[in-house]
């Protein structure tokens, strides 16, 4: 999709495209890359559309015969009345971590706001049928992480999700809820008041139509956004087959840190996190375990510490290694920004960073971030 903000006509065209049945984010992305714009897609011929991988005759026909002008205009008017906005890749507010995903949700709806500090986010997910132990752990972790400036991400579901959102709000922290239903159809209904509180201290996000029901196939799709927004996910309680483990799988695919709170052997609600731990997930017994996994960053103030000042590079480094070392700080820097600052190609930087890691001069953390090690 376009990396620059879209004009009103293109935004309306993208909304029209979202109303065509059979188009998911990967197909939409492929179409936009082929035709350059949503308007270009909507005006393309059927044969041209079918030349795009994944676009069969049924979907091509639906695009060619779309009749969504009136529907789109009506939808925009209703969204405005409800305080719901379109959030499109390229918008200033669009979360950078999501833009890096191959199945980036190029069009979402939002209530509330996304702030720059939200790039420091941790997802806390778990069972809807949480035990007292699970609720206590989720509440403690969310409170302590939010009080340190981390944004808490979850799915507004019953159980662990709701506990995590409320705990973040209780300490004045920020929280983001990603829904599988539409933003005009809050689910579960008992969380309507919680959702309103989240709007005031964070955001509600959804890829579903604004009146969409929370049908089963939307939950795994929603889970990739939860993990995509986060540097790490913490699974508190979950059955062996659960949405929380789906989120963990997405996190692994997205190169996010996967952490789990251990539970009692034999307890069905502990099978999920215990399985993740057996497979190599990070063990979480308290908030410090999460902070250690994230690396040394001043989350509360988003400021570089004094140790991030220019420090003389160690002897024996080549030109690229020296450039990387001098650009890095101890608070951590995302690879994309590091490449921009050093003007190195990704392949060059990767080799040099690996050599620096092997010498114990650089550490790699969740979210593809790097920090230098001093002393």
Protein backbone atom coordinates (compact mmCIF):
# COMPACT_ATOMS: atom_id res chain seq x y z
CA UNK A 1 0.00 0.00 0.00
CA UNK A 2 0.95 3.62 -0.29
CA UNK A 3 3.34 4.92 2.31
CA UNK A 4 2.07 8.50 2.05
CA UNK A 5 -1.25 9.77 3.43
CA UNK A 6 -4.15 9.16 1.05
CA UNK A 7 -6.52 11.74 -0.40
CA UNK A 8 -10.24 11.55 0.29
CA UNK A 9 -11.04 9.96 -3.08
CA UNK A 10 -8.51 7.18 -2.58
CA UNK A 11 -9.69 6.58 1.00
CA UNK A 12 -13.25 6.24 -0.27
CA UNK A 13 -12.07 3.85 -3.00
CA UNK A 14 -10.26 1.72 -0.42
CA UNK A 15 -13.43 1.60 1.67
CA UNK A 16 -15.38 0.49 -1.40
CA UNK A 17 -12.78 -2.20 -2.04
CA UNK A 18 -13.17 -3.44 1.55
CA UNK A 19 -16.88 -4.02 0.85
CA UNK A 20 -16.13 -6.52 -1.94
CA UNK A 21 -16.72 -10.07 -0.72
CA UNK A 22 -13.83 -12.49 -0.86
CA UNK A 23 -11.00 -10.00 -0.37
CA UNK A 24 -8.72 -10.40 2.62
CA UNK A 25 -5.66 -8.31 3.52
CA UNK A 26 -3.18 -10.37 1.49
CA UNK A 27 -5.28 -10.22 -1.68
CA UNK A 28 -5.96 -6.51 -1.23
CA UNK A 29 -2.25 -5.87 -0.77
CA UNK A 30 -1.45 -7.83 -3.94
CA UNK A 31 -4.05 -5.87 -5.90
CA UNK A 32 -2.77 -2.51 -4.67
CA UNK A 33 0.80 -3.44 -5.54
CA UNK A 34 -0.31 -4.46 -9.05
CA UNK A 35 -2.56 -1.47 -9.84
CA UNK A 36 -1.04 1.22 -7.64
CA UNK A 37 -4.21 2.41 -5.95
CA UNK A 38 -7.63 1.28 -4.79
CA UNK A 39 -9.19 3.34 -7.57
CA UNK A 40 -6.94 1.54 -10.04
CA UNK A 41 -8.18 -1.81 -8.73
CA UNK A 42 -11.85 -0.81 -8.97
CA UNK A 43 -11.46 0.36 -12.57
CA UNK A 44 -9.35 -2.58 -13.78
CA UNK A 45 -10.67 -5.09 -16.30
CA UNK A 46 -11.64 -8.59 -15.29
CA UNK A 47 -8.73 -10.09 -17.24
CA UNK A 48 -6.27 -7.70 -15.61
CA UNK A 49 -7.62 -8.56 -12.17
CA UNK A 50 -7.34 -12.29 -12.84
CA UNK A 51 -3.65 -11.85 -13.70
CA UNK A 52 -3.01 -11.11 -10.00
CA UNK A 53 -2.11 -14.27 -8.02
CA UNK A 54 -4.95 -15.32 -5.73
CA UNK A 55 -7.67 -13.48 -7.67
CA UNK A 56 -10.02 -16.01 -9.21
CA UNK A 57 -12.96 -15.44 -11.58
CA UNK A 58 -15.52 -15.04 -8.77
CA UNK A 59 -13.57 -12.33 -6.94
CA UNK A 60 -12.62 -10.59 -10.20
CA UNK A 61 -16.28 -10.47 -11.19
CA UNK A 62 -17.26 -9.08 -7.78
CA UNK A 63 -14.70 -6.27 -8.14
CA UNK A 64 -15.72 -5.38 -11.70
CA UNK A 65 -19.41 -5.30 -10.79
CA UNK A 66 -19.00 -3.57 -7.44
CA UNK A 67 -21.80 -1.14 -6.70
CA UNK A 68 -20.68 0.27 -3.39
CA UNK A 69 -20.74 4.07 -3.80
CA UNK A 70 -23.97 4.54 -1.89
CA UNK A 71 -23.03 1.91 0.72
CA UNK A 72 -19.63 3.49 1.28
CA UNK A 73 -21.03 7.02 1.64
CA UNK A 74 -23.70 5.79 4.05
CA UNK A 75 -21.10 3.90 6.04
CA UNK A 76 -18.85 6.95 6.29
CA UNK A 77 -21.73 9.06 7.60
CA UNK A 78 -22.58 6.47 10.24
CA UNK A 79 -18.95 6.10 11.29
CA UNK A 80 -18.69 9.85 11.76
CA UNK A 81 -21.78 9.84 13.97
CA UNK A 82 -20.34 7.03 16.12
CA UNK A 83 -16.86 8.53 16.39
CA UNK A 84 -15.30 5.73 14.33
CA UNK A 85 -12.48 6.60 11.95
CA UNK A 86 -10.70 4.79 9.14
CA UNK A 87 -7.08 3.91 9.90
CA UNK A 88 -5.11 3.22 6.74
CA UNK A 89 -1.52 2.21 6.18
CA UNK A 90 0.35 5.41 5.45
CA UNK A 91 -1.66 7.44 7.95
CA UNK A 92 0.49 9.23 10.53
CA UNK A 93 -1.30 7.32 13.29
CA UNK A 94 -0.93 3.89 11.67
CA UNK A 95 1.26 1.69 13.92
CA UNK A 96 4.67 1.16 12.32
CA UNK A 97 5.03 -2.46 13.55
CA UNK A 98 1.87 -3.48 11.67
CA UNK A 99 3.09 -1.91 8.44
CA UNK A 100 5.98 -4.41 8.42
CA UNK A 101 3.70 -7.47 8.36
CA UNK A 102 3.20 -9.36 5.07
CA UNK A 103 -0.52 -9.58 5.90
CA UNK A 104 -0.67 -5.98 7.11
CA UNK A 105 -4.23 -4.89 7.96
CA UNK A 106 -4.19 -2.06 5.44
CA UNK A 107 -7.61 -0.78 6.49
CA UNK A 108 -8.85 -0.83 10.06
CA UNK A 109 -11.37 1.18 12.03
CA UNK A 110 -10.41 2.97 15.23
CA UNK A 111 -11.95 4.70 18.21
CA UNK A 112 -9.49 6.51 20.44
CA UNK A 113 -5.91 7.32 19.49
CA UNK A 114 -2.60 5.62 18.76
CA UNK A 115 0.38 7.49 20.21
CA UNK A 116 4.12 7.17 19.49
CA UNK A 117 4.66 5.66 22.97
CA UNK A 118 2.43 2.73 21.97
CA UNK A 119 5.33 1.23 20.07
CA UNK A 120 6.44 0.07 23.53
CA UNK A 121 3.65 -2.47 23.96
CA UNK A 122 3.22 -5.88 25.55
CA UNK A 123 0.26 -8.15 24.84
CA UNK A 124 -1.26 -10.05 27.77
CA UNK A 125 -3.60 -12.81 26.62
CA UNK A 126 -5.21 -15.88 28.08
CA UNK A 127 -8.31 -17.86 28.82
CA UNK A 128 -11.85 -16.52 28.98
CA UNK A 129 -12.38 -18.99 31.85
CA UNK A 130 -9.51 -17.67 33.93
CA UNK A 131 -8.86 -18.97 37.42
CA UNK A 132 -8.26 -16.74 40.43
CA UNK A 133 -4.52 -17.40 40.00
CA UNK A 134 -4.59 -16.38 36.35
CA UNK A 135 -6.54 -13.21 37.08
CA UNK A 136 -4.13 -12.26 39.85
CA UNK A 137 -1.07 -12.78 37.64
CA UNK A 138 -2.60 -10.89 34.69
CA UNK A 139 -3.59 -7.99 36.93
CA UNK A 140 -0.17 -7.77 38.59
CA UNK A 141 1.74 -7.90 35.31
CA UNK A 142 -0.51 -5.39 33.55
CA UNK A 143 -0.42 -2.95 36.46
CA UNK A 144 3.35 -3.05 36.86
CA UNK A 145 4.09 -2.90 33.13
CA UNK A 146 1.62 -0.06 32.54
CA UNK A 147 3.01 1.88 35.49
CA UNK A 148 6.42 1.70 33.80
CA UNK A 149 5.07 3.24 30.59
CA UNK A 150 4.31 0.14 28.55
CA UNK A 151 1.07 -0.01 26.60
CA UNK A 152 -0.98 -3.14 27.32
CA UNK A 153 -2.52 -4.84 24.28
CA UNK A 154 -5.24 -7.49 24.44
CA UNK A 155 -8.48 -8.59 22.82
CA UNK A 156 -11.27 -7.25 25.11
CA UNK A 157 -12.46 -10.82 25.72
CA UNK A 158 -13.79 -12.13 29.00
CA UNK A 159 -11.28 -13.42 31.50
CA UNK A 160 -7.58 -12.54 31.17
CA UNK A 161 -8.08 -9.91 28.44
CA UNK A 162 -10.55 -7.85 30.44
CA UNK A 163 -8.43 -8.10 33.59
CA UNK A 164 -5.35 -6.85 31.72
CA UNK A 165 -7.15 -3.88 30.19
CA UNK A 166 -8.70 -2.83 33.52
CA UNK A 167 -5.43 -3.16 35.42
CA UNK A 168 -3.65 -0.88 32.93
CA UNK A 169 -6.42 1.70 33.24
CA UNK A 170 -6.38 1.49 37.04
CA UNK A 171 -2.82 2.87 37.14
CA UNK A 172 -3.45 5.52 34.49
CA UNK A 173 -1.70 3.55 31.78
CA UNK A 174 -2.50 3.12 28.13
CA UNK A 175 -4.16 0.07 26.63
CA UNK A 176 -5.23 -1.03 23.16
CA UNK A 177 -8.01 -3.54 22.49
CA UNK A 178 -8.17 -5.36 19.16
CA UNK A 179 -11.66 -6.67 18.48
CA UNK A 180 -12.88 -9.51 16.30
CA UNK A 181 -16.26 -7.78 16.07
CA UNK A 182 -17.04 -4.37 14.61
CA UNK A 183 -16.59 -1.21 16.66
CA UNK A 184 -20.33 -0.55 16.59
CA UNK A 185 -20.95 -4.05 17.95
CA UNK A 186 -18.80 -4.37 21.09
CA UNK A 187 -18.32 -7.97 22.16
CA UNK A 188 -18.79 -9.22 24.78
CA UNK A 189 -21.67 -6.83 25.56
CA UNK A 190 -20.74 -6.61 29.26
CA UNK A 191 -17.50 -4.91 28.20
CA UNK A 192 -19.18 -1.87 26.61
CA UNK A 193 -18.27 0.31 29.61
CA UNK A 194 -14.70 -1.04 29.61
CA UNK A 195 -14.45 -0.30 25.90
CA UNK A 196 -15.46 3.31 26.50
CA UNK A 197 -12.78 3.66 29.16
CA UNK A 198 -10.19 2.23 26.76
CA UNK A 199 -11.15 4.81 24.12
CA UNK A 200 -10.27 7.55 26.59
CA UNK A 201 -6.86 6.03 27.48
CA UNK A 202 -5.90 4.23 24.30
CA UNK A 203 -7.75 2.76 21.35
CA UNK A 204 -10.16 0.17 20.07
CA UNK A 205 -9.12 -1.35 16.73
CA UNK A 206 -10.89 -3.71 14.38
CA UNK A 207 -10.50 -5.08 10.88
CA UNK A 208 -14.13 -6.23 10.83
CA UNK A 209 -17.04 -4.25 9.33
CA UNK A 210 -18.33 -1.80 11.95
CA UNK A 211 -21.45 -3.90 12.64
CA UNK A 212 -19.64 -7.20 12.19
CA UNK A 213 -20.44 -10.09 14.50
CA UNK A 214 -17.58 -11.92 16.25
CA UNK A 215 -17.59 -14.99 14.01
CA UNK A 216 -14.99 -17.69 14.61
CA UNK A 217 -12.77 -17.09 11.57
CA UNK A 218 -12.15 -13.48 12.60
CA UNK A 219 -10.44 -14.35 15.89
CA UNK A 220 -7.22 -15.83 14.42
CA UNK A 221 -7.13 -12.88 12.01
CA UNK A 222 -7.52 -10.52 14.98
CA UNK A 223 -4.78 -12.31 16.92
CA UNK A 224 -2.08 -11.44 14.36
CA UNK A 225 -2.82 -7.76 15.00
CA UNK A 226 -2.53 -8.20 18.78
CA UNK A 227 0.91 -9.77 18.41
CA UNK A 228 1.91 -7.43 15.59
CA UNK A 229 1.37 -4.39 17.79
CA UNK A 230 3.52 -5.79 20.58
CA UNK A 231 7.21 -6.26 21.34
CA UNK A 232 6.29 -9.38 23.30
CA UNK A 233 3.25 -11.39 24.26
CA UNK A 234 2.63 -12.96 27.65
CA UNK A 235 0.33 -15.98 27.82
CA UNK A 236 -1.09 -16.22 31.33
CA UNK A 237 -3.59 -19.09 31.16
CA UNK A 238 -4.81 -21.04 28.15
CA UNK A 239 -6.06 -24.46 27.18
CA UNK A 240 -3.96 -26.60 24.85
CA UNK A 241 -6.14 -25.43 21.94
CA UNK A 242 -6.93 -21.77 22.39
CA UNK A 243 -6.84 -18.33 20.83
CA UNK A 244 -3.98 -17.35 23.12
CA UNK A 245 -1.77 -20.01 21.55
CA UNK A 246 -2.84 -18.76 18.12
CA UNK A 247 -1.54 -15.34 19.15
CA UNK A 248 1.72 -16.96 20.29
CA UNK A 249 2.14 -18.63 16.90
CA UNK A 250 1.61 -15.31 15.14
CA UNK A 251 4.16 -13.73 17.48
CA UNK A 252 6.77 -16.32 16.52
CA UNK A 253 6.09 -15.73 12.83
CA UNK A 254 6.45 -11.97 13.40
CA UNK A 255 9.71 -12.28 15.35
CA UNK A 256 8.10 -11.13 18.61
CA UNK A 257 9.11 -12.40 22.03
CA UNK A 258 6.85 -15.17 23.38
CA UNK A 259 6.60 -15.42 27.17
CA UNK A 260 4.42 -17.57 29.43
CA UNK A 261 3.37 -17.72 33.07
CA UNK A 262 3.77 -21.28 34.39
CA UNK A 263 0.75 -23.05 35.83
CA UNK A 264 -0.06 -26.13 37.87
CA UNK A 265 0.59 -29.45 36.15
CA UNK A 266 -2.70 -31.16 35.34
CA UNK A 267 -4.76 -27.96 35.31
CA UNK A 268 -6.43 -27.62 31.87
CA UNK A 269 -5.95 -23.85 31.97
CA UNK A 270 -2.19 -24.34 32.43
CA UNK A 271 -1.66 -26.70 29.51
CA UNK A 272 -1.13 -23.89 26.99
CA UNK A 273 1.53 -21.83 28.80
CA UNK A 274 3.28 -24.95 30.11
CA UNK A 275 3.47 -26.27 26.54
CA UNK A 276 4.92 -22.96 25.35
CA UNK A 277 7.54 -23.10 28.12
CA UNK A 278 8.44 -26.64 27.10
CA UNK A 279 8.92 -25.38 23.53
CA UNK A 280 11.25 -22.60 24.63
CA UNK A 281 9.08 -19.62 25.55
CA UNK A 282 10.46 -17.23 28.15
CA UNK A 283 9.46 -17.97 31.73
CA UNK A 284 7.52 -15.19 33.50
CA UNK A 285 7.29 -15.30 37.28
CA UNK A 286 7.09 -11.53 37.67
CA UNK A 287 7.33 -8.23 35.86
CA UNK A 288 11.13 -8.21 35.85
CA UNK A 289 11.15 -11.29 33.60
CA UNK A 290 9.17 -9.34 31.00
CA UNK A 291 11.41 -6.29 31.31
CA UNK A 292 14.51 -8.47 30.93
CA UNK A 293 13.10 -9.95 27.73
CA UNK A 294 12.41 -6.50 26.31
CA UNK A 295 15.87 -5.20 27.04
CA UNK A 296 17.21 -2.04 28.71
CA UNK A 297 14.93 0.74 27.51
CA UNK A 298 13.56 3.71 29.45
CA UNK A 299 9.93 2.96 28.75
CA UNK A 300 8.39 5.52 31.06
CA UNK A 301 10.19 8.55 29.64
CA UNK A 302 11.22 7.35 26.16
CA UNK A 303 14.49 9.13 26.71
CA UNK A 304 18.01 8.02 25.97
CA UNK A 305 20.00 7.35 29.09
CA UNK A 306 23.35 8.97 29.75
CA UNK A 307 25.10 5.81 28.65
CA UNK A 308 23.70 6.35 25.15
CA UNK A 309 26.03 9.26 24.55
CA UNK A 310 28.85 8.87 22.07
CA UNK A 311 31.31 6.32 23.41
CA UNK A 312 34.60 5.43 21.82
CA UNK A 313 34.25 2.23 19.83
CA UNK A 314 36.28 -0.79 20.99
CA UNK A 315 39.48 -1.55 19.04
CA UNK A 316 39.50 -4.06 16.21
CA UNK A 317 36.18 -3.12 14.56
CA UNK A 318 35.91 -2.67 10.81
CA UNK A 319 34.18 0.31 9.22
CA UNK A 320 30.64 -1.08 9.20
CA UNK A 321 30.94 -2.44 12.74
CA UNK A 322 32.20 0.92 14.00
CA UNK A 323 29.37 2.75 12.25
CA UNK A 324 26.78 0.45 13.83
CA UNK A 325 28.38 0.66 17.27
CA UNK A 326 28.47 4.45 17.25
CA UNK A 327 24.83 4.66 16.08
CA UNK A 328 23.52 2.30 18.75
CA UNK A 329 22.62 3.23 22.31
CA UNK A 330 22.04 1.06 25.35
CA UNK A 331 18.31 1.77 25.26
CA UNK A 332 17.90 -0.21 22.05
CA UNK A 333 17.16 0.73 18.44
CA UNK A 334 14.96 -0.95 15.84
CA UNK A 335 16.81 -2.39 12.86
CA UNK A 336 14.91 -0.25 10.35
CA UNK A 337 15.98 2.97 12.08
CA UNK A 338 19.54 1.67 12.47
CA UNK A 339 19.73 1.02 8.71
CA UNK A 340 18.42 4.51 8.03
CA UNK A 341 20.99 6.14 10.32
CA UNK A 342 23.97 4.16 9.08
CA UNK A 343 22.87 4.04 5.41
CA UNK A 344 23.96 0.39 5.32
CA UNK A 345 22.21 -2.31 3.34
CA UNK A 346 20.31 -4.87 5.41
CA UNK A 347 22.68 -7.64 4.32
CA UNK A 348 25.76 -5.62 5.36
CA UNK A 349 24.27 -4.66 8.72
CA UNK A 350 23.14 -8.21 9.50
CA UNK A 351 26.62 -9.64 9.07
CA UNK A 352 28.25 -6.87 11.12
CA UNK A 353 25.65 -7.06 13.88
CA UNK A 354 26.16 -10.81 14.11
CA UNK A 355 29.91 -10.29 14.53
CA UNK A 356 29.28 -7.66 17.22
CA UNK A 357 26.91 -10.06 19.01
CA UNK A 358 29.51 -12.84 18.90
CA UNK A 359 32.04 -10.51 20.52
CA UNK A 360 29.56 -9.59 23.24
CA UNK A 361 29.43 -5.95 22.14
CA UNK A 362 25.80 -5.91 21.00
CA UNK A 363 22.63 -7.59 22.25
CA UNK A 364 19.50 -8.34 20.26
CA UNK A 365 16.06 -7.95 21.83
CA UNK A 366 12.39 -8.47 21.02
CA UNK A 367 10.97 -6.53 18.10
CA UNK A 368 14.21 -6.79 16.07
CA UNK A 369 15.93 -4.19 18.25
CA UNK A 370 19.63 -3.97 19.03
CA UNK A 371 21.55 -2.29 21.86
CA UNK A 372 25.25 -1.95 22.51
CA UNK A 373 26.87 -3.47 25.60
CA UNK A 374 29.38 -1.42 27.56
CA UNK A 375 31.67 -2.81 30.24
